[in-house]
Amino acid sequence: MSNPGAVLSILGPAFVAGLLVTAALVPFGFEVLKRGIVFIDLAVAQIAGVGVIFADFLGWEPQGVAVQISALTAALATALVLTWTEKRWPEVQEAIIGVVFVLGASGAILLLASNPHGGEHLKDLLVGQILWVNPGRLPLHALIYTAILAIWFGLGARLGRIGFYALFACAVTFSVQLVGLYLVFASLVLPALATYYALRRRRLKAYSVGLLGYALGLLASLWLDLPSGAMTVWAMALVAMLAASLERRPAN
């Protein structure tokens, strides 16, 4: 695309969406690595997606408040269940998270079975349509993420188990509707994983991995005419590997 104005009009909102998602999810990425529950976002995001699909199944307005409530309710219910299972069976929590994800994915397929556009809806849920994000939605998402981060940094460990899961569910629910499930997982895990052995400025380095991954992925997807979500996941993974290679693992 040779028109700089047209390029900016497409990539600008998409990059801002990536910036917001990265800002919201990186702190949670540190926490899920520490807790050893890496796949929790896939499970929560998948169930939130089922909430969206269920709302569509009922014929509700795709961008309406009812859909947001449906997605958030599903995610928070999942958070409550996972809070209970972590307390009762902590040693198998990761396996339970995997089961929740599979049930959510299967439920989405069942709800979309009679929908002629079911495959397209499922693809949008997984890969997202970040290049076509609505700029008008970004200020509201920015306010929501600001509130989430303020609560997280203000209360932290005092939130407790249920507080962590509930806040995490909110962050993931709003993120998956912006960029899709795959990018949510990448934004949560890759920056945190890339900086796992960082001794200094870990948060700054993690944010840099996320933002550079979004920038390179979006530019590459436009230049190569490839799906933006999948391209950005790969770009972020490559940036994460480079960043990880520059960190020295502490000696035992």
Foldseek 3Di string as FASTA:
>chain_A
DPDPVVLCVQLVQLLLLLLLLLLQQAVVLLVCVVLVQLCLLLLLLLQLLLLLLVCVLVVHDNPDPSSLVSSLVSSLVVLVVLLVCCVVPVVCSNVVSVVSNVVSVVSLCVSCVPPPCSVVSVCCQAQNQSSPFDSVCSVVSNVLSVVLVCCCVVQPCVCDSSNSSSSSSSSSSVSSNNGHSLLSSLSNHLLCVLLVQPPPPSVVSSSVLSSQLLVVLQVCCVVVVHRSRVSSSVSSNVSSVVSSVPHDHDDD
